PDB file of N, CA and C in Angstrom:
ATOM      1  N   MET A   1       1.025  -1.164   0.353  1.00  0.00           N
ATOM      2  CA  MET A   1       0.179  -0.094   0.128  1.00  0.00           C
ATOM      3  C   MET A   1       1.193   1.124  -0.209  1.00  0.00           C
ATOM      4  N   ILE A   2       0.448   2.040  -0.994  1.00  0.00           N
ATOM      5  CA  ILE A   2       1.083   3.352  -0.864  1.00  0.00           C
ATOM      6  C   ILE A   2       0.764   4.115   0.376  1.00  0.00           C
ATOM      7  N   THR A   3       1.361   4.957   1.394  1.00  0.00           N
ATOM      8  CA  THR A   3       0.525   5.463   2.067  1.00  0.00           C
ATOM      9  C   THR A   3       0.881   7.425   1.763  1.00  0.00           C
ATOM     10  N   ASN A   4       0.010   8.125   2.370  1.00  0.00           N
ATOM     11  CA  ASN A   4      -0.109   9.847   2.261  1.00  0.00           C
ATOM     12  C   ASN A   4       1.859   9.904   1.942  1.00  0.00           C
ATOM     13  N   ALA A   5       2.172   9.585   2.784  1.00  0.00           N
ATOM     14  CA  ALA A   5       3.632  10.165   2.938  1.00  0.00           C
ATOM     15  C   ALA A   5       4.618   9.711   1.907  1.00  0.00           C
ATOM     16  N   ALA A   6       4.600   8.414   1.325  1.00  0.00           N
ATOM     17  CA  ALA A   6       4.891   8.424   0.420  1.00  0.00           C
ATOM     18  C   ALA A   6       4.303   8.641  -1.395  1.00  0.00           C
ATOM     19  N   ALA A   7       3.334   8.858  -0.963  1.00  0.00           N
ATOM     20  CA  ALA A   7       2.516   9.276  -2.249  1.00  0.00           C
ATOM     21  C   ALA A   7       3.363  11.197  -2.367  1.00  0.00           C
ATOM     22  N   LYS A   8       3.273  11.574  -1.421  1.00  0.00           N
ATOM     23  CA  LYS A   8       3.895  13.260  -1.123  1.00  0.00           C
ATOM     24  C   LYS A   8       5.528  13.264  -1.741  1.00  0.00           C
ATOM     25  N   TYR A   9       6.465  12.360  -1.664  1.00  0.00           N
ATOM     26  CA  TYR A   9       6.974  12.270  -2.706  1.00  0.00           C
ATOM     27  C   TYR A   9       7.178  12.127  -3.981  1.00  0.00           C
ATOM     28  N   LEU A  10       6.338  11.283  -3.932  1.00  0.00           N
ATOM     29  CA  LEU A  10       5.981  10.502  -5.353  1.00  0.00           C
ATOM     30  C   LEU A  10       5.420  12.079  -6.273  1.00  0.00           C
ATOM     31  N   TRP A  11       4.695  12.720  -5.896  1.00  0.00           N
ATOM     32  CA  TRP A  11       4.002  13.858  -6.239  1.00  0.00           C
ATOM     33  C   TRP A  11       5.114  14.719  -6.410  1.00  0.00           C
ATOM     34  N   ASP A  12       5.644  15.214  -5.542  1.00  0.00           N
ATOM     35  CA  ASP A  12       7.517  15.845  -5.928  1.00  0.00           C
ATOM     36  C   ASP A  12       7.736  15.447  -6.974  1.00  0.00           C
ATOM     37  N   VAL A  13       8.228  14.459  -7.009  1.00  0.00           N
ATOM     38  CA  VAL A  13       8.992  13.590  -8.351  1.00  0.00           C
ATOM     39  C   VAL A  13       8.177  14.166  -9.602  1.00  0.00           C
ATOM     40  N   GLN A  14       6.443  13.871  -9.704  1.00  0.00           N
ATOM     41  CA  GLN A  14       5.587  14.265 -10.805  1.00  0.00           C
ATOM     42  C   GLN A  14       5.684  15.413 -10.960  1.00  0.00           C
ATOM     43  N   GLN A  15       5.648  16.587 -10.059  1.00  0.00           N
ATOM     44  CA  GLN A  15       6.038  18.005 -10.375  1.00  0.00           C
ATOM     45  C   GLN A  15       7.119  18.503 -10.985  1.00  0.00           C
ATOM     46  N   ALA A  16       8.088  17.661 -10.254  1.00  0.00           N
ATOM     47  CA  ALA A  16       9.623  18.063 -10.932  1.00  0.00           C
ATOM     48  C   ALA A  16       9.527  17.689 -12.445  1.00  0.00           C
ATOM     49  N   ALA A  17       8.847  16.331 -12.525  1.00  0.00           N
ATOM     50  CA  ALA A  17       9.256  15.914 -13.909  1.00  0.00           C
ATOM     51  C   ALA A  17       8.471  16.576 -15.088  1.00  0.00           C
ATOM     52  N   GLU A  18       7.053  17.192 -14.521  1.00  0.00           N
ATOM     53  CA  GLU A  18       6.313  17.932 -15.448  1.00  0.00           C
ATOM     54  C   GLU A  18       7.235  19.056 -15.807  1.00  0.00           C
ATOM     55  N   ARG A  19       7.197  19.667 -14.757  1.00  0.00           N
ATOM     56  CA  ARG A  19       8.622  21.218 -14.667  1.00  0.00           C
ATOM     57  C   ARG A  19       9.528  20.787 -16.153  1.00  0.00           C
ATOM     58  N   ILE A  20      10.160  19.834 -15.863  1.00  0.00           N
ATOM     59  CA  ILE A  20      11.176  19.699 -16.915  1.00  0.00           C
ATOM     60  C   ILE A  20      10.751  19.212 -18.121  1.00  0.00           C
ATOM     61  N   THR A  21       9.753  18.817 -18.321  1.00  0.00           N
ATOM     62  CA  THR A  21       9.002  18.264 -19.695  1.00  0.00           C
ATOM     63  C   THR A  21       8.643  19.765 -20.531  1.00  0.00           C
ATOM     64  N   ARG A  22       7.876  20.827 -19.507  1.00  0.00           N
ATOM     65  CA  ARG A  22       7.671  22.064 -19.848  1.00  0.00           C
ATOM     66  C   ARG A  22       9.027  22.969 -20.032  1.00  0.00           C
ATOM     67  N   PHE A  23       9.673  23.113 -19.683  1.00  0.00           N
ATOM     68  CA  PHE A  23      11.106  23.596 -19.697  1.00  0.00           C
ATOM     69  C   PHE A  23      11.532  23.051 -20.950  1.00  0.00           C
ATOM     70  N   ALA A  24      11.874  22.256 -21.359  1.00  0.00           N
ATOM     71  CA  ALA A  24      12.641  21.567 -22.540  1.00  0.00           C
ATOM     72  C   ALA A  24      11.658  21.514 -23.696  1.00  0.00           C
ATOM     73  N   GLY A  25      10.481  21.663 -23.533  1.00  0.00           N
ATOM     74  CA  GLY A  25       8.909  21.537 -25.019  1.00  0.00           C
ATOM     75  C   GLY A  25       9.516  22.568 -25.804  1.00  0.00           C
ATOM     76  N   GLY A  26       9.807  22.263 -26.281  1.00  0.00           N
ATOM     77  CA  GLY A  26      10.319  22.863 -28.228  1.00  0.00           C
ATOM     78  C   GLY A  26      11.623  23.171 -27.989  1.00  0.00           C
ATOM     79  N   ARG A  27      12.501  23.265 -27.325  1.00  0.00           N
ATOM     80  CA  ARG A  27      13.633  23.586 -27.326  1.00  0.00           C
ATOM     81  C   ARG A  27      14.523  22.126 -28.364  1.00  0.00           C
ATOM     82  N   THR A  28      15.855  22.639 -28.249  1.00  0.00           N
ATOM     83  CA  THR A  28      16.709  21.722 -28.846  1.00  0.00           C
ATOM     84  C   THR A  28      17.870  21.430 -28.232  1.00  0.00           C
ATOM     85  N   PHE A  29      19.071  20.410 -27.998  1.00  0.00           N
ATOM     86  CA  PHE A  29      19.956  20.399 -27.616  1.00  0.00           C
ATOM     87  C   PHE A  29      21.016  21.555 -27.170  1.00  0.00           C
ATOM     88  N   ASP A  30      21.117  22.090 -28.562  1.00  0.00           N
ATOM     89  CA  ASP A  30      21.689  23.076 -28.447  1.00  0.00           C
ATOM     90  C   ASP A  30      21.199  24.581 -28.143  1.00  0.00           C
ATOM     91  N   GLY A  31      19.503  24.635 -28.031  1.00  0.00           N
ATOM     92  CA  GLY A  31      19.386  25.776 -27.255  1.00  0.00           C
ATOM     93  C   GLY A  31      19.399  25.699 -25.849  1.00  0.00           C
ATOM     94  N   TYR A  32      19.592  23.827 -25.257  1.00  0.00           N
ATOM     95  CA  TYR A  32      19.726  23.822 -23.956  1.00  0.00           C
ATOM     96  C   TYR A  32      21.214  24.336 -23.899  1.00  0.00           C
ATOM     97  N   LEU A  33      22.180  24.008 -24.134  1.00  0.00           N
ATOM     98  CA  LEU A  33      23.505  24.287 -24.197  1.00  0.00           C
ATOM     99  C   LEU A  33      23.870  25.589 -24.056  1.00  0.00           C
ATOM    100  N   ALA A  34      22.614  26.374 -24.512  1.00  0.00           N
ATOM    101  CA  ALA A  34      22.904  27.953 -24.920  1.00  0.00           C
ATOM    102  C   ALA A  34      22.361  28.794 -24.019  1.00  0.00           C
ATOM    103  N   ASP A  35      21.407  28.277 -23.159  1.00  0.00           N
ATOM    104  CA  ASP A  35      21.177  28.876 -22.041  1.00  0.00           C
ATOM    105  C   ASP A  35      21.478  28.175 -20.790  1.00  0.00           C
ATOM    106  N   GLU A  36      21.783  29.101 -20.275  1.00  0.00           N
ATOM    107  CA  GLU A  36      22.392  28.241 -19.139  1.00  0.00           C
ATOM    108  C   GLU A  36      21.244  28.485 -17.777  1.00  0.00           C
ATOM    109  N   MET A  37      20.351  29.487 -18.054  1.00  0.00           N
ATOM    110  CA  MET A  37      19.553  29.614 -16.978  1.00  0.00           C
ATOM    111  C   MET A  37      18.475  28.277 -16.992  1.00  0.00           C
ATOM    112  N   LEU A  38      17.738  27.822 -18.757  1.00  0.00           N
ATOM    113  CA  LEU A  38      17.521  26.656 -18.842  1.00  0.00           C
ATOM    114  C   LEU A  38      18.283  25.425 -18.181  1.00  0.00           C
ATOM    115  N   SER A  39      19.552  25.501 -18.415  1.00  0.00           N
ATOM    116  CA  SER A  39      20.130  23.945 -17.967  1.00  0.00           C
ATOM    117  C   SER A  39      20.421  24.026 -16.724  1.00  0.00           C
ATOM    118  N   ALA A  40      20.279  25.335 -15.429  1.00  0.00           N
ATOM    119  CA  ALA A  40      20.414  25.078 -14.201  1.00  0.00           C
ATOM    120  C   ALA A  40      19.258  24.720 -14.259  1.00  0.00           C
ATOM    121  N   ALA A  41      17.998  25.336 -14.828  1.00  0.00           N
ATOM    122  CA  ALA A  41      16.760  24.836 -14.314  1.00  0.00           C
ATOM    123  C   ALA A  41      16.097  23.647 -13.950  1.00  0.00           C
ATOM    124  N   ILE A  42      16.878  22.889 -15.013  1.00  0.00           N
ATOM    125  CA  ILE A  42      16.495  21.613 -15.627  1.00  0.00           C
ATOM    126  C   ILE A  42      17.161  20.714 -14.504  1.00  0.00           C
ATOM    127  N   GLU A  43      18.574  20.876 -14.107  1.00  0.00           N
ATOM    128  CA  GLU A  43      19.364  19.990 -13.395  1.00  0.00           C
ATOM    129  C   GLU A  43      18.816  20.336 -12.348  1.00  0.00           C
ATOM    130  N   ARG A  44      18.172  21.484 -12.009  1.00  0.00           N
ATOM    131  CA  ARG A  44      17.757  21.756 -10.305  1.00  0.00           C
ATOM    132  C   ARG A  44      16.313  20.690  -9.994  1.00  0.00           C
ATOM    133  N   GLN A  45      15.551  20.294 -11.707  1.00  0.00           N
ATOM    134  CA  GLN A  45      14.523  19.613 -11.098  1.00  0.00           C
ATOM    135  C   GLN A  45      14.879  18.187 -11.086  1.00  0.00           C
ATOM    136  N   PHE A  46      15.685  17.790 -11.808  1.00  0.00           N
ATOM    137  CA  PHE A  46      16.389  16.203 -11.773  1.00  0.00           C
ATOM    138  C   PHE A  46      17.308  15.972 -10.440  1.00  0.00           C
ATOM    139  N   GLN A  47      17.356  17.437  -9.874  1.00  0.00           N
ATOM    140  CA  GLN A  47      17.992  17.222  -8.266  1.00  0.00           C
ATOM    141  C   GLN A  47      17.035  16.587  -7.233  1.00  0.00           C
ATOM    142  N   ILE A  48      15.684  17.298  -7.483  1.00  0.00           N
ATOM    143  CA  ILE A  48      14.802  17.269  -6.308  1.00  0.00           C
ATOM    144  C   ILE A  48      14.372  15.942  -7.002  1.00  0.00           C
ATOM    145  N   ILE A  49      13.946  15.452  -8.299  1.00  0.00           N
ATOM    146  CA  ILE A  49      13.424  14.130  -8.299  1.00  0.00           C
ATOM    147  C   ILE A  49      14.504  13.086  -7.541  1.00  0.00           C
ATOM    148  N   GLY A  50      15.776  12.967  -7.270  1.00  0.00           N
ATOM    149  CA  GLY A  50      16.779  12.074  -6.887  1.00  0.00           C
ATOM    150  C   GLY A  50      16.235  12.204  -5.297  1.00  0.00           C
ATOM    151  N   GLU A  51      16.375  13.975  -4.940  1.00  0.00           N
ATOM    152  CA  GLU A  51      16.177  13.880  -3.733  1.00  0.00           C
ATOM    153  C   GLU A  51      14.781  13.435  -3.108  1.00  0.00           C
ATOM    154  N   ALA A  52      13.894  13.320  -3.959  1.00  0.00           N
ATOM    155  CA  ALA A  52      12.703  12.688  -3.486  1.00  0.00           C
ATOM    156  C   ALA A  52      12.599  11.372  -3.002  1.00  0.00           C
ATOM    157  N   PHE A  53      13.284  10.618  -4.147  1.00  0.00           N
ATOM    158  CA  PHE A  53      12.996   9.237  -4.156  1.00  0.00           C
ATOM    159  C   PHE A  53      14.611   8.704  -3.186  1.00  0.00           C
ATOM    160  N   VAL A  54      15.296   9.356  -2.581  1.00  0.00           N
ATOM    161  CA  VAL A  54      16.284   9.359  -1.401  1.00  0.00           C
ATOM    162  C   VAL A  54      15.100   8.691  -0.509  1.00  0.00           C
ATOM    163  N   GLY A  55      14.278  10.341  -0.211  1.00  0.00           N
ATOM    164  CA  GLY A  55      13.339   9.804   0.562  1.00  0.00           C
ATOM    165  C   GLY A  55      12.123   9.269   1.056  1.00  0.00           C
ATOM    166  N   LEU A  56      11.977   8.991  -0.184  1.00  0.00           N
ATOM    167  CA  LEU A  56      11.095   7.171  -0.455  1.00  0.00           C
ATOM    168  C   LEU A  56      11.366   6.480  -0.126  1.00  0.00           C
ATOM    169  N   ARG A  57      12.828   5.865  -1.012  1.00  0.00           N
ATOM    170  CA  ARG A  57      13.398   5.032  -0.457  1.00  0.00           C
ATOM    171  C   ARG A  57      13.775   4.642   1.022  1.00  0.00           C
ATOM    172  N   ARG A  58      13.817   6.082   1.871  1.00  0.00           N
ATOM    173  CA  ARG A  58      14.027   5.617   3.295  1.00  0.00           C
ATOM    174  C   ARG A  58      12.756   4.968   4.023  1.00  0.00           C
ATOM    175  N   ILE A  59      11.565   5.847   3.700  1.00  0.00           N
ATOM    176  CA  ILE A  59      10.404   5.526   4.441  1.00  0.00           C
ATOM    177  C   ILE A  59       9.168   4.399   3.895  1.00  0.00           C
ATOM    178  N   ALA A  60       9.631   3.931   2.611  1.00  0.00           N
ATOM    179  CA  ALA A  60       8.645   3.234   2.283  1.00  0.00           C
ATOM    180  C   ALA A  60       9.780   2.516   0.872  1.00  0.00           C
ATOM    181  N   PRO A  61      10.999   1.749   1.131  1.00  0.00           N
ATOM    182  CA  PRO A  61      11.483   1.105   0.251  1.00  0.00           C
ATOM    183  C   PRO A  61      11.057  -0.162  -0.793  1.00  0.00           C
ATOM    184  N   GLU A  62       9.759  -0.198  -0.404  1.00  0.00           N
ATOM    185  CA  GLU A  62       8.964  -1.597  -1.000  1.00  0.00           C
ATOM    186  C   GLU A  62       7.953  -0.320  -2.537  1.00  0.00           C
ATOM    187  N   VAL A  63       8.057   0.462  -2.214  1.00  0.00           N
ATOM    188  CA  VAL A  63       7.370   1.882  -3.139  1.00  0.00           C
ATOM    189  C   VAL A  63       8.468   1.910  -3.879  1.00  0.00           C
ATOM    190  N   ALA A  64       9.569   2.467  -3.229  1.00  0.00           N
ATOM    191  CA  ALA A  64      10.430   2.821  -4.197  1.00  0.00           C
ATOM    192  C   ALA A  64      10.685   1.670  -5.198  1.00  0.00           C
ATOM    193  N   ALA A  65      11.071   0.566  -4.963  1.00  0.00           N
ATOM    194  CA  ALA A  65      11.040  -0.499  -5.697  1.00  0.00           C
ATOM    195  C   ALA A  65      10.622  -0.479  -7.290  1.00  0.00           C
ATOM    196  N   MET A  66       9.136  -0.277  -6.519  1.00  0.00           N
ATOM    197  CA  MET A  66       8.359  -0.137  -7.877  1.00  0.00           C
ATOM    198  C   MET A  66       8.626   0.385  -9.390  1.00  0.00           C
ATOM    199  N   VAL A  67       9.594   1.903  -8.902  1.00  0.00           N
ATOM    200  CA  VAL A  67       9.915   2.627 -10.005  1.00  0.00           C
ATOM    201  C   VAL A  67      11.374   2.225 -10.529  1.00  0.00           C
ATOM    202  N   PRO A  68      11.300   1.941 -11.938  1.00  0.00           N
ATOM    203  CA  PRO A  68      12.004   1.430 -12.856  1.00  0.00           C
ATOM    204  C   PRO A  68      13.209   2.207 -12.910  1.00  0.00           C
ATOM    205  N   ASP A  69      14.645   1.812 -12.597  1.00  0.00           N
ATOM    206  CA  ASP A  69      15.885   2.000 -12.041  1.00  0.00           C
ATOM    207  C   ASP A  69      16.304   3.744 -11.518  1.00  0.00           C
ATOM    208  N   VAL A  70      14.866   2.967 -10.573  1.00  0.00           N
ATOM    209  CA  VAL A  70      15.723   4.108  -8.804  1.00  0.00           C
ATOM    210  C   VAL A  70      16.571   4.618  -8.383  1.00  0.00           C
ATOM    211  N   ALA A  71      17.739   3.641  -8.360  1.00  0.00           N
ATOM    212  CA  ALA A  71      18.840   3.547  -7.929  1.00  0.00           C
ATOM    213  C   ALA A  71      19.937   4.262  -9.025  1.00  0.00           C
ATOM    214  N   GLU A  72      19.512   3.963 -10.151  1.00  0.00           N
ATOM    215  CA  GLU A  72      20.490   5.234 -10.947  1.00  0.00           C
ATOM    216  C   GLU A  72      19.844   6.793 -11.257  1.00  0.00           C
ATOM    217  N   ILE A  73      18.665   6.899 -10.781  1.00  0.00           N
ATOM    218  CA  ILE A  73      18.274   8.073 -10.885  1.00  0.00           C
ATOM    219  C   ILE A  73      18.905   8.738  -9.796  1.00  0.00           C
ATOM    220  N   ILE A  74      18.826   8.053  -8.734  1.00  0.00           N
ATOM    221  CA  ILE A  74      19.507   8.730  -7.510  1.00  0.00           C
ATOM    222  C   ILE A  74      20.793   9.104  -7.525  1.00  0.00           C
ATOM    223  N   GLY A  75      21.640   8.074  -8.363  1.00  0.00           N
ATOM    224  CA  GLY A  75      23.249   8.474  -8.727  1.00  0.00           C
ATOM    225  C   GLY A  75      23.621   9.806  -9.551  1.00  0.00           C
ATOM    226  N   PHE A  76      22.234  10.030 -10.731  1.00  0.00           N
ATOM    227  CA  PHE A  76      22.117  10.966 -11.070  1.00  0.00           C
ATOM    228  C   PHE A  76      22.092  12.176 -10.380  1.00  0.00           C
ATOM    229  N   ARG A  77      21.608  12.010  -9.373  1.00  0.00           N
ATOM    230  CA  ARG A  77      21.060  13.087  -8.575  1.00  0.00           C
ATOM    231  C   ARG A  77      22.644  13.648  -7.629  1.00  0.00           C
ATOM    232  N   ASN A  78      23.222  12.041  -7.504  1.00  0.00           N
ATOM    233  CA  ASN A  78      24.340  12.904  -6.535  1.00  0.00           C
ATOM    234  C   ASN A  78      25.230  12.934  -7.457  1.00  0.00           C
ATOM    235  N   VAL A  79      25.367  12.485  -8.858  1.00  0.00           N
ATOM    236  CA  VAL A  79      26.269  13.469  -9.819  1.00  0.00           C
ATOM    237  C   VAL A  79      26.108  15.023 -10.286  1.00  0.00           C
ATOM    238  N   LEU A  80      25.139  15.329 -10.173  1.00  0.00           N
ATOM    239  CA  LEU A  80      24.377  17.011 -10.210  1.00  0.00           C
ATOM    240  C   LEU A  80      24.456  17.477  -9.077  1.00  0.00           C
ATOM    241  N   VAL A  81      24.911  17.509  -8.041  1.00  0.00           N
ATOM    242  CA  VAL A  81      25.157  17.345  -6.153  1.00  0.00           C
ATOM    243  C   VAL A  81      26.355  17.483  -6.318  1.00  0.00           C
ATOM    244  N   HIS A  82      27.548  16.487  -6.014  1.00  0.00           N
ATOM    245  CA  HIS A  82      28.477  15.886  -5.876  1.00  0.00           C
ATOM    246  C   HIS A  82      29.399  16.055  -6.783  1.00  0.00           C
ATOM    247  N   ALA A  83      29.230  15.959  -8.030  1.00  0.00           N
ATOM    248  CA  ALA A  83      30.369  15.833  -9.258  1.00  0.00           C
ATOM    249  C   ALA A  83      29.876  16.829 -10.409  1.00  0.00           C
ATOM    250  N   TYR A  84      29.572  17.730  -9.981  1.00  0.00           N
ATOM    251  CA  TYR A  84      28.703  18.771 -11.142  1.00  0.00           C
ATOM    252  C   TYR A  84      29.769  19.078 -11.887  1.00  0.00           C
ATOM    253  N   ARG A  85      31.165  19.103 -12.089  1.00  0.00           N
ATOM    254  CA  ARG A  85      32.160  19.214 -13.309  1.00  0.00           C
ATOM    255  C   ARG A  85      32.333  18.216 -14.421  1.00  0.00           C
ATOM    256  N   ASP A  86      31.652  16.712 -13.809  1.00  0.00           N
ATOM    257  CA  ASP A  86      31.642  15.608 -14.627  1.00  0.00           C
ATOM    258  C   ASP A  86      30.237  15.433 -15.295  1.00  0.00           C
ATOM    259  N   VAL A  87      28.837  16.309 -14.907  1.00  0.00           N
ATOM    260  CA  VAL A  87      27.877  16.449 -15.765  1.00  0.00           C
ATOM    261  C   VAL A  87      28.368  16.196 -17.288  1.00  0.00           C
ATOM    262  N   ASP A  88      27.542  15.525 -17.534  1.00  0.00           N
ATOM    263  CA  ASP A  88      27.600  15.536 -18.957  1.00  0.00           C
ATOM    264  C   ASP A  88      25.811  16.216 -19.567  1.00  0.00           C
ATOM    265  N   SER A  89      25.997  17.384 -20.733  1.00  0.00           N
ATOM    266  CA  SER A  89      24.957  17.837 -20.764  1.00  0.00           C
ATOM    267  C   SER A  89      23.873  16.843 -22.009  1.00  0.00           C
ATOM    268  N   LYS A  90      24.993  15.926 -22.870  1.00  0.00           N
ATOM    269  CA  LYS A  90      24.071  14.948 -23.477  1.00  0.00           C
ATOM    270  C   LYS A  90      23.126  13.963 -23.199  1.00  0.00           C
ATOM    271  N   GLU A  91      24.046  13.846 -21.537  1.00  0.00           N
ATOM    272  CA  GLU A  91      23.042  12.496 -20.810  1.00  0.00           C
ATOM    273  C   GLU A  91      21.758  13.545 -20.232  1.00  0.00           C
ATOM    274  N   VAL A  92      22.328  14.646 -19.532  1.00  0.00           N
ATOM    275  CA  VAL A  92      20.983  15.142 -19.494  1.00  0.00           C
ATOM    276  C   VAL A  92      19.865  15.529 -20.203  1.00  0.00           C
ATOM    277  N   TRP A  93      20.139  16.362 -21.520  1.00  0.00           N
ATOM    278  CA  TRP A  93      19.320  16.246 -22.621  1.00  0.00           C
ATOM    279  C   TRP A  93      18.618  14.335 -23.027  1.00  0.00           C
ATOM    280  N   SER A  94      19.338  13.687 -22.899  1.00  0.00           N
ATOM    281  CA  SER A  94      19.169  12.376 -23.247  1.00  0.00           C
ATOM    282  C   SER A  94      18.106  12.022 -22.464  1.00  0.00           C
ATOM    283  N   THR A  95      18.002  11.921 -21.146  1.00  0.00           N
ATOM    284  CA  THR A  95      17.688  11.931 -20.375  1.00  0.00           C
ATOM    285  C   THR A  95      16.199  12.306 -20.025  1.00  0.00           C
ATOM    286  N   ILE A  96      16.136  13.358 -20.340  1.00  0.00           N
ATOM    287  CA  ILE A  96      14.881  14.395 -20.949  1.00  0.00           C
ATOM    288  C   ILE A  96      14.056  13.195 -21.848  1.00  0.00           C
ATOM    289  N   GLN A  97      14.975  13.199 -23.056  1.00  0.00           N
ATOM    290  CA  GLN A  97      13.864  12.648 -24.225  1.00  0.00           C
ATOM    291  C   GLN A  97      13.363  11.352 -24.064  1.00  0.00           C
ATOM    292  N   ASP A  98      14.680  10.701 -23.357  1.00  0.00           N
ATOM    293  CA  ASP A  98      14.466   8.938 -23.497  1.00  0.00           C
ATOM    294  C   ASP A  98      13.832   8.209 -21.944  1.00  0.00           C
ATOM    295  N   ASP A  99      14.378   8.997 -21.287  1.00  0.00           N
ATOM    296  CA  ASP A  99      13.307   8.485 -20.077  1.00  0.00           C
ATOM    297  C   ASP A  99      12.232   8.994 -19.229  1.00  0.00           C
ATOM    298  N   LEU A 100      12.514  10.551 -18.948  1.00  0.00           N
ATOM    299  CA  LEU A 100      11.472  11.053 -18.627  1.00  0.00           C
ATOM    300  C   LEU A 100       9.872  10.383 -18.804  1.00  0.00           C
ATOM    301  N   PRO A 101       9.414  10.248 -19.894  1.00  0.00           N
ATOM    302  CA  PRO A 101       8.269  10.087 -19.962  1.00  0.00           C
ATOM    303  C   PRO A 101       8.218   8.863 -19.704  1.00  0.00           C
ATOM    304  N   GLY A 102       8.871   8.178 -19.786  1.00  0.00           N
ATOM    305  CA  GLY A 102       8.467   6.359 -18.847  1.00  0.00           C
ATOM    306  C   GLY A 102       8.297   6.865 -17.123  1.00  0.00           C
ATOM    307  N   LEU A 103       9.345   7.635 -16.878  1.00  0.00           N
ATOM    308  CA  LEU A 103       9.225   8.624 -15.171  1.00  0.00           C
ATOM    309  C   LEU A 103       8.099   8.493 -15.084  1.00  0.00           C
ATOM    310  N   LEU A 104       7.532   9.367 -15.782  1.00  0.00           N
ATOM    311  CA  LEU A 104       6.443  10.177 -15.640  1.00  0.00           C
ATOM    312  C   LEU A 104       5.146   8.733 -15.540  1.00  0.00           C
ATOM    313  N   SER A 105       5.364   8.400 -16.501  1.00  0.00           N
ATOM    314  CA  SER A 105       3.905   6.986 -16.350  1.00  0.00           C
ATOM    315  C   SER A 105       4.436   5.774 -15.193  1.00  0.00           C
ATOM    316  N   ALA A 106       5.569   5.561 -14.858  1.00  0.00           N
ATOM    317  CA  ALA A 106       5.347   4.927 -13.989  1.00  0.00           C
ATOM    318  C   ALA A 106       4.774   5.460 -12.278  1.00  0.00           C
ATOM    319  N   VAL A 107       5.274   6.746 -12.179  1.00  0.00           N
ATOM    320  CA  VAL A 107       4.768   7.724 -11.325  1.00  0.00           C
ATOM    321  C   VAL A 107       3.211   7.909 -11.015  1.00  0.00           C
ATOM    322  N   ALA A 108       2.757   8.174 -12.062  1.00  0.00           N
ATOM    323  CA  ALA A 108       1.135   8.095 -12.811  1.00  0.00           C
ATOM    324  C   ALA A 108       0.858   6.919 -12.103  1.00  0.00           C
ATOM    325  N   ASP A 109       0.942   5.824 -12.429  1.00  0.00           N
ATOM    326  CA  ASP A 109       0.766   4.789 -12.303  1.00  0.00           C
ATOM    327  C   ASP A 109       0.758   4.359 -10.816  1.00  0.00           C
ATOM    328  N   LEU A 110       1.608   4.575  -9.827  1.00  0.00           N
ATOM    329  CA  LEU A 110       1.895   4.386  -7.900  1.00  0.00           C
ATOM    330  C   LEU A 110       0.715   5.362  -7.741  1.00  0.00           C
ATOM    331  N   LEU A 111       0.985   6.851  -8.187  1.00  0.00           N
ATOM    332  CA  LEU A 111      -0.048   7.577  -7.740  1.00  0.00           C
ATOM    333  C   LEU A 111      -1.666   7.441  -7.871  1.00  0.00           C
ATOM    334  N   ARG A 112      -1.796   6.691  -8.472  1.00  0.00           N
ATOM    335  CA  ARG A 112      -3.190   5.949  -8.541  1.00  0.00           C
ATOM    336  C   ARG A 112      -3.802   5.194  -7.793  1.00  0.00           C
ATOM    337  N   LYS A 113      -2.678   4.153  -6.966  1.00  0.00           N
ATOM    338  CA  LYS A 113      -2.643   3.007  -5.866  1.00  0.00           C
ATOM    339  C   LYS A 113      -2.954   3.801  -4.966  1.00  0.00           C
ATOM    340  N   ALA A 114      -2.194   5.253  -4.964  1.00  0.00           N
ATOM    341  CA  ALA A 114      -2.718   6.179  -3.234  1.00  0.00           C
ATOM    342  C   ALA A 114      -3.901   6.743  -2.902  1.00  0.00           C
ATOM    343  N   PRO A 115      -3.798   6.330  -1.655  1.00  0.00           N
ATOM    344  CA  PRO A 115      -5.151   7.006  -1.332  1.00  0.00           C
ATOM    345  C   PRO A 115      -5.365   8.378  -1.504  1.00  0.00           C
ATOM    346  N   GLY A 116      -6.792   8.835  -1.597  1.00  0.00           N
ATOM    347  CA  GLY A 116      -7.039  10.208  -2.087  1.00  0.00           C
ATOM    348  C   GLY A 116      -6.454  11.173  -0.788  1.00  0.00           C
ATOM    349  N   PRO A 117      -6.975  12.316  -1.434  1.00  0.00           N
ATOM    350  CA  PRO A 117      -6.580  13.252   0.188  1.00  0.00           C
ATOM    351  C   PRO A 117      -7.463  12.901   0.564  1.00  0.00           C
TER     352      PRO A 117
END
């Protein structure tokens, strides 16, 4: 069962992922590289996603385990925060294009199983 506390973390993930989708919408990789405010905003949202999964894994590891690649998502957050010099912009952009839609879908599925407000 997904508790209200776990649902709050999932909601944070969903909100941050939707922001990334909005921020990157209609943009190209070159535009992403050229706009440092855009790249900083997107990286911040990825940090929020990773941190939310850290919290979710702490309070509801069985729910976190239902998210595909949760360990890699947390690892990506760790790179953004602690190894910022090693951030590969191509990896960030490909994550937006290739991985974010699946994450949004997985989180939405989990939130449908959560209790109502």
